[in-house]
PDB file of N, CA and C in Angstrom:
ATOM      1  N   MET A   1      69.520 141.384 -58.351  1.00  0.00           N
ATOM      2  CA  MET A   1      70.286 140.672 -57.342  1.00  0.00           C
ATOM      3  C   MET A   1      69.450 140.618 -56.054  1.00  0.00           C
ATOM      4  N   ASP A   2      69.424 139.455 -55.404  1.00  0.00           N
ATOM      5  CA  ASP A   2      68.635 139.341 -54.182  1.00  0.00           C
ATOM      6  C   ASP A   2      69.401 139.900 -52.980  1.00  0.00           C
ATOM      7  N   VAL A   3      68.678 140.116 -51.899  1.00  0.00           N
ATOM      8  CA  VAL A   3      69.240 140.760 -50.710  1.00  0.00           C
ATOM      9  C   VAL A   3      70.362 139.922 -50.100  1.00  0.00           C
ATOM     10  N   ARG A   4      70.218 138.614 -50.063  1.00  0.00           N
ATOM     11  CA  ARG A   4      71.265 137.755 -49.484  1.00  0.00           C
ATOM     12  C   ARG A   4      72.575 137.903 -50.243  1.00  0.00           C
ATOM     13  N   THR A   5      72.491 138.001 -51.542  1.00  0.00           N
ATOM     14  CA  THR A   5      73.696 138.206 -52.344  1.00  0.00           C
ATOM     15  C   THR A   5      74.303 139.573 -52.051  1.00  0.00           C
ATOM     16  N   GLU A   6      73.474 140.595 -51.922  1.00  0.00           N
ATOM     17  CA  GLU A   6      73.947 141.942 -51.577  1.00  0.00           C
ATOM     18  C   GLU A   6      74.650 141.936 -50.220  1.00  0.00           C
ATOM     19  N   ILE A   7      74.075 141.215 -49.251  1.00  0.00           N
ATOM     20  CA  ILE A   7      74.687 141.111 -47.916  1.00  0.00           C
ATOM     21  C   ILE A   7      76.053 140.443 -48.019  1.00  0.00           C
ATOM     22  N   ARG A   8      76.130 139.348 -48.753  1.00  0.00           N
ATOM     23  CA  ARG A   8      77.415 138.650 -48.922  1.00  0.00           C
ATOM     24  C   ARG A   8      78.461 139.566 -49.559  1.00  0.00           C
ATOM     25  N   MET A   9      78.047 140.295 -50.582  1.00  0.00           N
ATOM     26  CA  MET A   9      78.987 141.171 -51.282  1.00  0.00           C
ATOM     27  C   MET A   9      79.454 142.311 -50.377  1.00  0.00           C
ATOM     28  N   ALA A  10      78.547 142.894 -49.609  1.00  0.00           N
ATOM     29  CA  ALA A  10      78.926 143.979 -48.700  1.00  0.00           C
ATOM     30  C   ALA A  10      79.875 143.475 -47.620  1.00  0.00           C
ATOM     31  N   CYS A  11      79.588 142.310 -47.049  1.00  0.00           N
ATOM     32  CA  CYS A  11      80.465 141.741 -46.015  1.00  0.00           C
ATOM     33  C   CYS A  11      81.821 141.355 -46.590  1.00  0.00           C
ATOM     34  N   ASP A  12      81.830 140.788 -47.785  1.00  0.00           N
ATOM     35  CA  ASP A  12      83.096 140.438 -48.431  1.00  0.00           C
ATOM     36  C   ASP A  12      83.937 141.687 -48.688  1.00  0.00           C
ATOM     37  N   SER A  13      83.291 142.768 -49.068  1.00  0.00           N
ATOM     38  CA  SER A  13      83.999 144.017 -49.322  1.00  0.00           C
ATOM     39  C   SER A  13      84.663 144.545 -48.051  1.00  0.00           C
ATOM     40  N   ILE A  14      83.950 144.510 -46.939  1.00  0.00           N
ATOM     41  CA  ILE A  14      84.519 144.947 -45.655  1.00  0.00           C
ATOM     42  C   ILE A  14      85.652 144.021 -45.246  1.00  0.00           C
ATOM     43  N   LYS A  15      85.473 142.734 -45.429  1.00  0.00           N
ATOM     44  CA  LYS A  15      86.521 141.764 -45.092  1.00  0.00           C
ATOM     45  C   LYS A  15      87.792 142.071 -45.869  1.00  0.00           C
ATOM     46  N   GLU A  16      87.671 142.296 -47.164  1.00  0.00           N
ATOM     47  CA  GLU A  16      88.837 142.601 -47.991  1.00  0.00           C
ATOM     48  C   GLU A  16      89.480 143.928 -47.582  1.00  0.00           C
ATOM     49  N   LEU A  17      88.666 144.924 -47.233  1.00  0.00           N
ATOM     50  CA  LEU A  17      89.186 146.204 -46.757  1.00  0.00           C
ATOM     51  C   LEU A  17      90.021 146.003 -45.498  1.00  0.00           C
ATOM     52  N   LEU A  18      89.503 145.234 -44.536  1.00  0.00           N
ATOM     53  CA  LEU A  18      90.232 144.990 -43.295  1.00  0.00           C
ATOM     54  C   LEU A  18      91.521 144.222 -43.532  1.00  0.00           C
ATOM     55  N   ILE A  19      91.471 143.235 -44.389  1.00  0.00           N
ATOM     56  CA  ILE A  19      92.675 142.455 -44.689  1.00  0.00           C
ATOM     57  C   ILE A  19      93.725 143.330 -45.363  1.00  0.00           C
ATOM     58  N   GLN A  20      93.313 144.163 -46.317  1.00  0.00           N
ATOM     59  CA  GLN A  20      94.254 145.049 -47.005  1.00  0.00           C
ATOM     60  C   GLN A  20      94.860 146.067 -46.042  1.00  0.00           C
ATOM     61  N   LYS A  21      94.034 146.647 -45.182  1.00  0.00           N
ATOM     62  CA  LYS A  21      94.558 147.612 -44.209  1.00  0.00           C
ATOM     63  C   LYS A  21      95.499 146.931 -43.229  1.00  0.00           C
ATOM     64  N   ASN A  22      95.207 145.676 -42.863  1.00  0.00           N
ATOM     65  CA  ASN A  22      96.098 144.942 -41.983  1.00  0.00           C
ATOM     66  C   ASN A  22      97.437 144.702 -42.657  1.00  0.00           C
ATOM     67  N   LEU A  23      97.426 144.418 -43.957  1.00  0.00           N
ATOM     68  CA  LEU A  23      98.681 144.264 -44.693  1.00  0.00           C
ATOM     69  C   LEU A  23      99.447 145.585 -44.742  1.00  0.00           C
ATOM     70  N   ASN A  24      98.736 146.689 -44.922  1.00  0.00           N
ATOM     71  CA  ASN A  24      99.375 148.002 -45.023  1.00  0.00           C
ATOM     72  C   ASN A  24      99.892 148.520 -43.693  1.00  0.00           C
ATOM     73  N   TYR A  25      99.125 148.315 -42.626  1.00  0.00           N
ATOM     74  CA  TYR A  25      99.443 148.918 -41.325  1.00  0.00           C
ATOM     75  C   TYR A  25      99.906 147.911 -40.282  1.00  0.00           C
ATOM     76  N   GLY A  26      99.906 146.641 -40.617  1.00  0.00           N
ATOM     77  CA  GLY A  26     100.217 145.633 -39.609  1.00  0.00           C
ATOM     78  C   GLY A  26      99.037 145.489 -38.657  1.00  0.00           C
ATOM     79  N   ASP A  27      99.308 145.004 -37.477  1.00  0.00           N
ATOM     80  CA  ASP A  27      98.252 144.790 -36.496  1.00  0.00           C
ATOM     81  C   ASP A  27      98.053 146.010 -35.598  1.00  0.00           C
ATOM     82  N   SER A  28      98.247 147.209 -36.152  1.00  0.00           N
ATOM     83  CA  SER A  28      98.234 148.423 -35.333  1.00  0.00           C
ATOM     84  C   SER A  28      96.891 148.677 -34.654  1.00  0.00           C
ATOM     85  N   ALA A  29      95.809 148.214 -35.222  1.00  0.00           N
ATOM     86  CA  ALA A  29      94.507 148.435 -34.593  1.00  0.00           C
ATOM     87  C   ALA A  29      94.363 147.604 -33.323  1.00  0.00           C
ATOM     88  N   LEU A  30      94.869 146.385 -33.345  1.00  0.00           N
ATOM     89  CA  LEU A  30      94.731 145.495 -32.197  1.00  0.00           C
ATOM     90  C   LEU A  30      95.971 145.488 -31.302  1.00  0.00           C
ATOM     91  N   LYS A  31      97.078 145.937 -31.852  1.00  0.00           N
ATOM     92  CA  LYS A  31      98.322 146.056 -31.086  1.00  0.00           C
ATOM     93  C   LYS A  31      98.895 147.447 -31.342  1.00  0.00           C
ATOM     94  N   PRO A  32      98.259 148.469 -30.728  1.00  0.00           N
ATOM     95  CA  PRO A  32      98.658 149.853 -31.022  1.00  0.00           C
ATOM     96  C   PRO A  32     100.092 150.148 -30.612  1.00  0.00           C
ATOM     97  N   ALA A  33     100.753 151.010 -31.389  1.00  0.00           N
ATOM     98  CA  ALA A  33     102.128 151.411 -31.095  1.00  0.00           C
ATOM     99  C   ALA A  33     102.193 152.280 -29.850  1.00  0.00           C
ATOM    100  N   ASN A  34     101.100 152.966 -29.539  1.00  0.00           N
ATOM    101  CA  ASN A  34     101.020 153.844 -28.367  1.00  0.00           C
ATOM    102  C   ASN A  34     102.130 154.881 -28.340  1.00  0.00           C
ATOM    103  N   ILE A  35     102.426 155.456 -29.498  1.00  0.00           N
ATOM    104  CA  ILE A  35     103.411 156.539 -29.583  1.00  0.00           C
ATOM    105  C   ILE A  35     102.763 157.833 -29.107  1.00  0.00           C
ATOM    106  N   PHE A  36     101.614 158.184 -29.658  1.00  0.00           N
ATOM    107  CA  PHE A  36     100.868 159.366 -29.222  1.00  0.00           C
ATOM    108  C   PHE A  36      99.703 158.952 -28.344  1.00  0.00           C
ATOM    109  N   ALA A  37      98.834 158.106 -28.889  1.00  0.00           N
ATOM    110  CA  ALA A  37      97.689 157.612 -28.126  1.00  0.00           C
ATOM    111  C   ALA A  37      98.181 156.500 -27.204  1.00  0.00           C
ATOM    112  N   LYS A  38      97.859 156.602 -25.944  1.00  0.00           N
ATOM    113  CA  LYS A  38      98.371 155.640 -24.957  1.00  0.00           C
ATOM    114  C   LYS A  38      97.326 154.639 -24.513  1.00  0.00           C
ATOM    115  N   GLY A  39      96.190 154.595 -25.200  1.00  0.00           N
ATOM    116  CA  GLY A  39      95.108 153.719 -24.781  1.00  0.00           C
ATOM    117  C   GLY A  39      95.291 152.279 -25.228  1.00  0.00           C
ATOM    118  N   SER A  40      94.397 151.459 -24.719  1.00  0.00           N
ATOM    119  CA  SER A  40      94.341 150.064 -25.150  1.00  0.00           C
ATOM    120  C   SER A  40      93.761 150.017 -26.561  1.00  0.00           C
ATOM    121  N   ALA A  41      93.772 148.849 -27.143  1.00  0.00           N
ATOM    122  CA  ALA A  41      93.171 148.686 -28.466  1.00  0.00           C
ATOM    123  C   ALA A  41      91.696 149.075 -28.424  1.00  0.00           C
ATOM    124  N   VAL A  42      90.978 148.670 -27.371  1.00  0.00           N
ATOM    125  CA  VAL A  42      89.558 148.999 -27.247  1.00  0.00           C
ATOM    126  C   VAL A  42      89.368 150.508 -27.164  1.00  0.00           C
ATOM    127  N   GLU A  43      90.172 151.186 -26.337  1.00  0.00           N
ATOM    128  CA  GLU A  43      90.051 152.638 -26.196  1.00  0.00           C
ATOM    129  C   GLU A  43      90.383 153.362 -27.495  1.00  0.00           C
ATOM    130  N   ASN A  44      91.458 152.951 -28.158  1.00  0.00           N
ATOM    131  CA  ASN A  44      91.861 153.608 -29.404  1.00  0.00           C
ATOM    132  C   ASN A  44      90.853 153.370 -30.523  1.00  0.00           C
ATOM    133  N   LEU A  45      90.341 152.151 -30.621  1.00  0.00           N
ATOM    134  CA  LEU A  45      89.325 151.866 -31.627  1.00  0.00           C
ATOM    135  C   LEU A  45      88.051 152.647 -31.344  1.00  0.00           C
ATOM    136  N   SER A  46      87.698 152.776 -30.079  1.00  0.00           N
ATOM    137  CA  SER A  46      86.514 153.557 -29.712  1.00  0.00           C
ATOM    138  C   SER A  46      86.675 155.009 -30.135  1.00  0.00           C
ATOM    139  N   ALA A  47      87.875 155.558 -29.981  1.00  0.00           N
ATOM    140  CA  ALA A  47      88.136 156.938 -30.416  1.00  0.00           C
ATOM    141  C   ALA A  47      87.998 157.061 -31.933  1.00  0.00           C
ATOM    142  N   ARG A  48      88.497 156.076 -32.674  1.00  0.00           N
ATOM    143  CA  ARG A  48      88.370 156.099 -34.133  1.00  0.00           C
ATOM    144  C   ARG A  48      86.907 156.011 -34.557  1.00  0.00           C
ATOM    145  N   ILE A  49      86.140 155.197 -33.837  1.00  0.00           N
ATOM    146  CA  ILE A  49      84.707 155.075 -34.126  1.00  0.00           C
ATOM    147  C   ILE A  49      84.020 156.414 -33.862  1.00  0.00           C
ATOM    148  N   ASP A  50      84.373 157.058 -32.748  1.00  0.00           N
ATOM    149  CA  ASP A  50      83.811 158.389 -32.465  1.00  0.00           C
ATOM    150  C   ASP A  50      84.120 159.362 -33.599  1.00  0.00           C
ATOM    151  N   ASP A  51      85.361 159.336 -34.114  1.00  0.00           N
ATOM    152  CA  ASP A  51      85.741 160.229 -35.219  1.00  0.00           C
ATOM    153  C   ASP A  51      84.888 159.972 -36.452  1.00  0.00           C
ATOM    154  N   LYS A  52      84.668 158.708 -36.776  1.00  0.00           N
ATOM    155  CA  LYS A  52      83.860 158.374 -37.953  1.00  0.00           C
ATOM    156  C   LYS A  52      82.410 158.801 -37.757  1.00  0.00           C
ATOM    157  N   LEU A  53      81.883 158.604 -36.558  1.00  0.00           N
ATOM    158  CA  LEU A  53      80.516 159.028 -36.281  1.00  0.00           C
ATOM    159  C   LEU A  53      80.391 160.548 -36.353  1.00  0.00           C
ATOM    160  N   MET A  54      81.414 161.259 -35.896  1.00  0.00           N
ATOM    161  CA  MET A  54      81.403 162.713 -35.971  1.00  0.00           C
ATOM    162  C   MET A  54      81.424 163.169 -37.433  1.00  0.00           C
ATOM    163  N   ARG A  55      82.204 162.491 -38.270  1.00  0.00           N
ATOM    164  CA  ARG A  55      82.229 162.849 -39.694  1.00  0.00           C
ATOM    165  C   ARG A  55      80.860 162.654 -40.319  1.00  0.00           C
ATOM    166  N   ILE A  56      80.202 161.546 -39.971  1.00  0.00           N
ATOM    167  CA  ILE A  56      78.861 161.298 -40.497  1.00  0.00           C
ATOM    168  C   ILE A  56      77.893 162.372 -39.985  1.00  0.00           C
ATOM    169  N   ALA A  57      78.011 162.726 -38.699  1.00  0.00           N
ATOM    170  CA  ALA A  57      77.139 163.757 -38.134  1.00  0.00           C
ATOM    171  C   ALA A  57      77.357 165.095 -38.842  1.00  0.00           C
ATOM    172  N   ASN A  58      78.595 165.403 -39.181  1.00  0.00           N
ATOM    173  CA  ASN A  58      78.922 166.680 -39.818  1.00  0.00           C
ATOM    174  C   ASN A  58      78.639 166.701 -41.318  1.00  0.00           C
ATOM    175  N   LYS A  59      78.927 165.616 -41.988  1.00  0.00           N
ATOM    176  CA  LYS A  59      78.826 165.583 -43.453  1.00  0.00           C
ATOM    177  C   LYS A  59      77.567 164.900 -43.958  1.00  0.00           C
ATOM    178  N   GLY A  60      76.916 164.116 -43.104  1.00  0.00           N
ATOM    179  CA  GLY A  60      75.740 163.383 -43.530  1.00  0.00           C
ATOM    180  C   GLY A  60      76.101 162.082 -44.218  1.00  0.00           C
ATOM    181  N   LEU A  61      75.088 161.398 -44.679  1.00  0.00           N
ATOM    182  CA  LEU A  61      75.268 160.131 -45.388  1.00  0.00           C
ATOM    183  C   LEU A  61      74.832 160.302 -46.829  1.00  0.00           C
ATOM    184  N   ASP A  62      75.767 160.067 -47.723  1.00  0.00           N
ATOM    185  CA  ASP A  62      75.471 160.064 -49.150  1.00  0.00           C
ATOM    186  C   ASP A  62      76.570 159.281 -49.850  1.00  0.00           C
ATOM    187  N   LYS A  63      76.555 159.288 -51.160  1.00  0.00           N
ATOM    188  CA  LYS A  63      77.541 158.497 -51.907  1.00  0.00           C
ATOM    189  C   LYS A  63      78.975 158.945 -51.627  1.00  0.00           C
ATOM    190  N   ASN A  64      79.148 160.191 -51.183  1.00  0.00           N
ATOM    191  CA  ASN A  64      80.490 160.704 -50.899  1.00  0.00           C
ATOM    192  C   ASN A  64      81.019 160.283 -49.535  1.00  0.00           C
ATOM    193  N   THR A  65      80.165 159.752 -48.680  1.00  0.00           N
ATOM    194  CA  THR A  65      80.617 159.334 -47.352  1.00  0.00           C
ATOM    195  C   THR A  65      80.492 157.822 -47.137  1.00  0.00           C
ATOM    196  N   LEU A  66      80.250 157.085 -48.201  1.00  0.00           N
ATOM    197  CA  LEU A  66      80.150 155.625 -48.061  1.00  0.00           C
ATOM    198  C   LEU A  66      81.458 155.015 -47.571  1.00  0.00           C
ATOM    199  N   ASP A  67      82.606 155.624 -47.910  1.00  0.00           N
ATOM    200  CA  ASP A  67      83.877 155.121 -47.409  1.00  0.00           C
ATOM    201  C   ASP A  67      83.942 155.243 -45.890  1.00  0.00           C
ATOM    202  N   THR A  68      83.325 156.279 -45.343  1.00  0.00           N
ATOM    203  CA  THR A  68      83.280 156.449 -43.888  1.00  0.00           C
ATOM    204  C   THR A  68      82.430 155.352 -43.254  1.00  0.00           C
ATOM    205  N   VAL A  69      81.338 154.996 -43.905  1.00  0.00           N
ATOM    206  CA  VAL A  69      80.490 153.900 -43.413  1.00  0.00           C
ATOM    207  C   VAL A  69      81.281 152.597 -43.434  1.00  0.00           C
ATOM    208  N   ASP A  70      82.014 152.341 -44.508  1.00  0.00           N
ATOM    209  CA  ASP A  70      82.845 151.134 -44.585  1.00  0.00           C
ATOM    210  C   ASP A  70      83.888 151.132 -43.466  1.00  0.00           C
ATOM    211  N   ASP A  71      84.542 152.272 -43.249  1.00  0.00           N
ATOM    212  CA  ASP A  71      85.535 152.369 -42.169  1.00  0.00           C
ATOM    213  C   ASP A  71      84.881 152.103 -40.817  1.00  0.00           C
ATOM    214  N   LEU A  72      83.707 152.660 -40.602  1.00  0.00           N
ATOM    215  CA  LEU A  72      82.997 152.466 -39.335  1.00  0.00           C
ATOM    216  C   LEU A  72      82.675 150.996 -39.105  1.00  0.00           C
ATOM    217  N   ILE A  73      82.169 150.337 -40.120  1.00  0.00           N
ATOM    218  CA  ILE A  73      81.869 148.904 -40.009  1.00  0.00           C
ATOM    219  C   ILE A  73      83.152 148.139 -39.692  1.00  0.00           C
ATOM    220  N   GLY A  74      84.233 148.473 -40.392  1.00  0.00           N
ATOM    221  CA  GLY A  74      85.507 147.804 -40.150  1.00  0.00           C
ATOM    222  C   GLY A  74      85.996 148.003 -38.726  1.00  0.00           C
ATOM    223  N   TYR A  75      85.912 149.248 -38.232  1.00  0.00           N
ATOM    224  CA  TYR A  75      86.345 149.519 -36.859  1.00  0.00           C
ATOM    225  C   TYR A  75      85.473 148.770 -35.852  1.00  0.00           C
ATOM    226  N   LEU A  76      84.188 148.634 -36.128  1.00  0.00           N
ATOM    227  CA  LEU A  76      83.319 147.886 -35.226  1.00  0.00           C
ATOM    228  C   LEU A  76      83.689 146.399 -35.202  1.00  0.00           C
ATOM    229  N   VAL A  77      84.062 145.847 -36.341  1.00  0.00           N
ATOM    230  CA  VAL A  77      84.526 144.458 -36.382  1.00  0.00           C
ATOM    231  C   VAL A  77      85.813 144.327 -35.557  1.00  0.00           C
ATOM    232  N   LEU A  78      86.749 145.258 -35.762  1.00  0.00           N
ATOM    233  CA  LEU A  78      87.997 145.224 -34.998  1.00  0.00           C
ATOM    234  C   LEU A  78      87.744 145.418 -33.506  1.00  0.00           C
ATOM    235  N   LEU A  79      86.791 146.282 -33.153  1.00  0.00           N
ATOM    236  CA  LEU A  79      86.447 146.482 -31.749  1.00  0.00           C
ATOM    237  C   LEU A  79      85.928 145.187 -31.136  1.00  0.00           C
ATOM    238  N   LYS A  80      85.107 144.474 -31.864  1.00  0.00           N
ATOM    239  CA  LYS A  80      84.589 143.191 -31.375  1.00  0.00           C
ATOM    240  C   LYS A  80      85.739 142.225 -31.095  1.00  0.00           C
ATOM    241  N   ILE A  81      86.706 142.168 -31.994  1.00  0.00           N
ATOM    242  CA  ILE A  81      87.878 141.304 -31.806  1.00  0.00           C
ATOM    243  C   ILE A  81      88.683 141.768 -30.597  1.00  0.00           C
ATOM    244  N   ALA A  82      88.907 143.088 -30.484  1.00  0.00           N
ATOM    245  CA  ALA A  82      89.708 143.631 -29.386  1.00  0.00           C
ATOM    246  C   ALA A  82      89.050 143.338 -28.034  1.00  0.00           C
ATOM    247  N   ILE A  83      87.744 143.502 -27.950  1.00  0.00           N
ATOM    248  CA  ILE A  83      87.033 143.226 -26.695  1.00  0.00           C
ATOM    249  C   ILE A  83      87.178 141.746 -26.329  1.00  0.00           C
ATOM    250  N   LYS A  84      87.045 140.892 -27.330  1.00  0.00           N
ATOM    251  CA  LYS A  84      87.190 139.444 -27.089  1.00  0.00           C
ATOM    252  C   LYS A  84      88.602 139.134 -26.612  1.00  0.00           C
ATOM    253  N   GLU A  85      89.614 139.775 -27.202  1.00  0.00           N
ATOM    254  CA  GLU A  85      91.002 139.502 -26.814  1.00  0.00           C
ATOM    255  C   GLU A  85      91.326 140.037 -25.423  1.00  0.00           C
ATOM    256  N   GLU A  86      90.659 141.117 -25.002  1.00  0.00           N
ATOM    257  CA  GLU A  86      90.913 141.677 -23.671  1.00  0.00           C
ATOM    258  C   GLU A  86      90.275 140.864 -22.553  1.00  0.00           C
ATOM    259  N   SER A  87      89.246 140.090 -22.879  1.00  0.00           N
ATOM    260  CA  SER A  87      88.555 139.346 -21.812  1.00  0.00           C
ATOM    261  C   SER A  87      89.107 137.965 -21.585  1.00  0.00           C
TER     262      SER A  87
END
């Protein structure tokens, strides 16, 4: 398989993950309930990104932490959307 196909498949996988999580959780990432965390979407997403980066720092990168990498990519996509919506 060529690299362009691999890129398409990886991006499609993240897209499907985000869509499925949006169906499961609603728009909570971009419209937080602010029950415990009182931050904006950008602040809350930044905290989630910090958590994922800390997990990678603590556990390393291997086949067992690929889900964390997927989550991190997804949160970065959502952060980009949140920043655009705030401006």
